[in-house]
C-alpha atoms as a PDB file:
ATOM      1  CA  UNK A   1    -113.684 127.084   3.720  1.00  0.00           C
ATOM      2  CA  UNK A   2    -115.872 124.027   4.496  1.00  0.00           C
ATOM      3  CA  UNK A   3    -115.687 124.894   8.716  1.00  0.00           C
ATOM      4  CA  UNK A   4    -116.954 128.557   7.086  1.00  0.00           C
ATOM      5  CA  UNK A   5    -119.532 127.390   5.842  1.00  0.00           C
ATOM      6  CA  UNK A   6    -121.020 125.099   8.667  1.00  0.00           C
ATOM      7  CA  UNK A   7    -120.300 127.708  11.096  1.00  0.00           C
ATOM      8  CA  UNK A   8    -122.344 130.235   9.051  1.00  0.00           C
ATOM      9  CA  UNK A   9    -125.266 128.049   8.948  1.00  0.00           C
ATOM     10  CA  UNK A  10    -124.985 126.951  12.906  1.00  0.00           C
ATOM     11  CA  UNK A  11    -125.129 131.015  12.756  1.00  0.00           C
ATOM     12  CA  UNK A  12    -127.330 131.431  10.773  1.00  0.00           C
ATOM     13  CA  UNK A  13    -129.899 128.570  12.464  1.00  0.00           C
ATOM     14  CA  UNK A  14    -129.401 130.652  16.130  1.00  0.00           C
ATOM     15  CA  UNK A  15    -130.272 133.637  14.768  1.00  0.00           C
ATOM     16  CA  UNK A  16    -133.343 132.354  13.536  1.00  0.00           C
ATOM     17  CA  UNK A  17    -134.286 130.602  16.384  1.00  0.00           C
ATOM     18  CA  UNK A  18    -133.983 133.785  18.716  1.00  0.00           C
ATOM     19  CA  UNK A  19    -135.723 135.833  16.073  1.00  0.00           C
ATOM     20  CA  UNK A  20    -139.389 135.640  17.174  1.00  0.00           C
ATOM     21  CA  UNK A  21    -142.066 134.832  14.198  1.00  0.00           C
ATOM     22  CA  UNK A  22    -141.838 132.628  11.415  1.00  0.00           C
ATOM     23  CA  UNK A  23    -139.577 134.258   9.314  1.00  0.00           C
ATOM     24  CA  UNK A  24    -140.245 132.395   5.268  1.00  0.00           C
ATOM     25  CA  UNK A  25    -136.013 132.420   4.335  1.00  0.00           C
ATOM     26  CA  UNK A  26    -134.881 129.372   2.647  1.00  0.00           C
ATOM     27  CA  UNK A  27    -132.210 127.672   3.667  1.00  0.00           C
ATOM     28  CA  UNK A  28    -129.421 129.430   1.190  1.00  0.00           C
ATOM     29  CA  UNK A  29    -130.695 132.358   2.956  1.00  0.00           C
ATOM     30  CA  UNK A  30    -130.157 131.197   6.544  1.00  0.00           C
ATOM     31  CA  UNK A  31    -126.582 130.263   5.245  1.00  0.00           C
ATOM     32  CA  UNK A  32    -125.417 133.632   3.700  1.00  0.00           C
ATOM     33  CA  UNK A  33    -127.056 135.590   6.115  1.00  0.00           C
ATOM     34  CA  UNK A  34    -125.218 133.592   9.194  1.00  0.00           C
ATOM     35  CA  UNK A  35    -121.609 134.138   6.649  1.00  0.00           C
ATOM     36  CA  UNK A  36    -122.830 137.573   6.583  1.00  0.00           C
ATOM     37  CA  UNK A  37    -122.811 137.758  10.311  1.00  0.00           C
ATOM     38  CA  UNK A  38    -120.026 135.809  11.167  1.00  0.00           C
ATOM     39  CA  UNK A  39    -117.655 138.082   9.117  1.00  0.00           C
ATOM     40  CA  UNK A  40    -119.223 141.078  10.580  1.00  0.00           C
ATOM     41  CA  UNK A  41    -118.274 139.202  14.143  1.00  0.00           C
ATOM     42  CA  UNK A  42    -114.946 138.183  13.524  1.00  0.00           C
ATOM     43  CA  UNK A  43    -114.052 141.717  11.915  1.00  0.00           C
ATOM     44  CA  UNK A  44    -115.135 143.482  15.135  1.00  0.00           C
ATOM     45  CA  UNK A  45    -113.024 140.910  17.327  1.00  0.00           C
ATOM     46  CA  UNK A  46    -110.318 141.738  14.942  1.00  0.00           C
ATOM     47  CA  UNK A  47    -110.988 145.419  16.135  1.00  0.00           C
ATOM     48  CA  UNK A  48    -111.702 144.638  20.028  1.00  0.00           C
ATOM     49  CA  UNK A  49    -108.355 142.771  19.430  1.00  0.00           C
ATOM     50  CA  UNK A  50    -109.846 139.612  20.663  1.00  0.00           C
ATOM     51  CA  UNK A  51    -108.494 137.388  18.159  1.00  0.00           C
ATOM     52  CA  UNK A  52    -108.332 136.783  13.696  1.00  0.00           C
ATOM     53  CA  UNK A  53    -111.497 137.389  11.617  1.00  0.00           C
ATOM     54  CA  UNK A  54    -111.081 133.345  11.004  1.00  0.00           C
ATOM     55  CA  UNK A  55    -110.514 132.703  14.627  1.00  0.00           C
ATOM     56  CA  UNK A  56    -113.340 131.251  16.417  1.00  0.00           C
ATOM     57  CA  UNK A  57    -113.560 132.795  19.931  1.00  0.00           C
ATOM     58  CA  UNK A  58    -116.728 133.877  21.928  1.00  0.00           C
ATOM     59  CA  UNK A  59    -116.964 137.668  21.386  1.00  0.00           C
ATOM     60  CA  UNK A  60    -117.088 136.792  18.081  1.00  0.00           C
ATOM     61  CA  UNK A  61    -119.704 134.243  18.259  1.00  0.00           C
ATOM     62  CA  UNK A  62    -121.779 136.305  20.534  1.00  0.00           C
ATOM     63  CA  UNK A  63    -121.112 139.504  17.547  1.00  0.00           C
ATOM     64  CA  UNK A  64    -121.711 137.302  14.580  1.00  0.00           C
ATOM     65  CA  UNK A  65    -125.479 135.821  16.547  1.00  0.00           C
ATOM     66  CA  UNK A  66    -126.370 139.310  17.247  1.00  0.00           C
ATOM     67  CA  UNK A  67    -125.350 140.882  13.790  1.00  0.00           C
ATOM     68  CA  UNK A  68    -127.113 137.637  12.206  1.00  0.00           C
ATOM     69  CA  UNK A  69    -130.360 138.120  13.981  1.00  0.00           C
ATOM     70  CA  UNK A  70    -130.685 141.912  12.508  1.00  0.00           C
ATOM     71  CA  UNK A  71    -129.526 140.621   8.906  1.00  0.00           C
ATOM     72  CA  UNK A  72    -132.640 138.249   9.807  1.00  0.00           C
ATOM     73  CA  UNK A  73    -134.446 141.132  10.483  1.00  0.00           C
ATOM     74  CA  UNK A  74    -133.818 142.939   7.562  1.00  0.00           C
ATOM     75  CA  UNK A  75    -134.323 140.111   5.455  1.00  0.00           C
ATOM     76  CA  UNK A  76    -137.833 139.293   6.937  1.00  0.00           C
ATOM     77  CA  UNK A  77    -138.716 143.070   6.611  1.00  0.00           C
ATOM     78  CA  UNK A  78    -137.565 142.816   3.205  1.00  0.00           C
ATOM     79  CA  UNK A  79    -139.205 140.132   1.976  1.00  0.00           C
ATOM     80  CA  UNK A  80    -142.383 141.079   3.920  1.00  0.00           C
ATOM     81  CA  UNK A  81    -142.618 144.805   2.084  1.00  0.00           C
ATOM     82  CA  UNK A  82    -142.119 142.606  -1.149  1.00  0.00           C
ATOM     83  CA  UNK A  83    -144.977 140.355  -0.683  1.00  0.00           C
ATOM     84  CA  UNK A  84    -147.087 142.788   0.112  1.00  0.00           C
ATOM     85  CA  UNK A  85    -146.664 145.517  -2.594  1.00  0.00           C
ATOM     86  CA  UNK A  86    -147.870 141.995  -5.323  1.00  0.00           C
END
């Protein structure tokens, strides 16, 4: 469980580094987006037959980072939209 949280934090941090621009996201949001991305990556890797959902493998890691980058973009868009409405 702790490894899953650490992996989520690393994947979320990588996603924020890859995504250009400044994101106004907290550490908790980064962790949650990284965890969501790692679950998505694990599910897709499992569907492709490259490993189990909780197993760290190259395909799952790459898909997790890509999914997290997309999730960071969506979260950034939602938080930007909320602040412009006020």
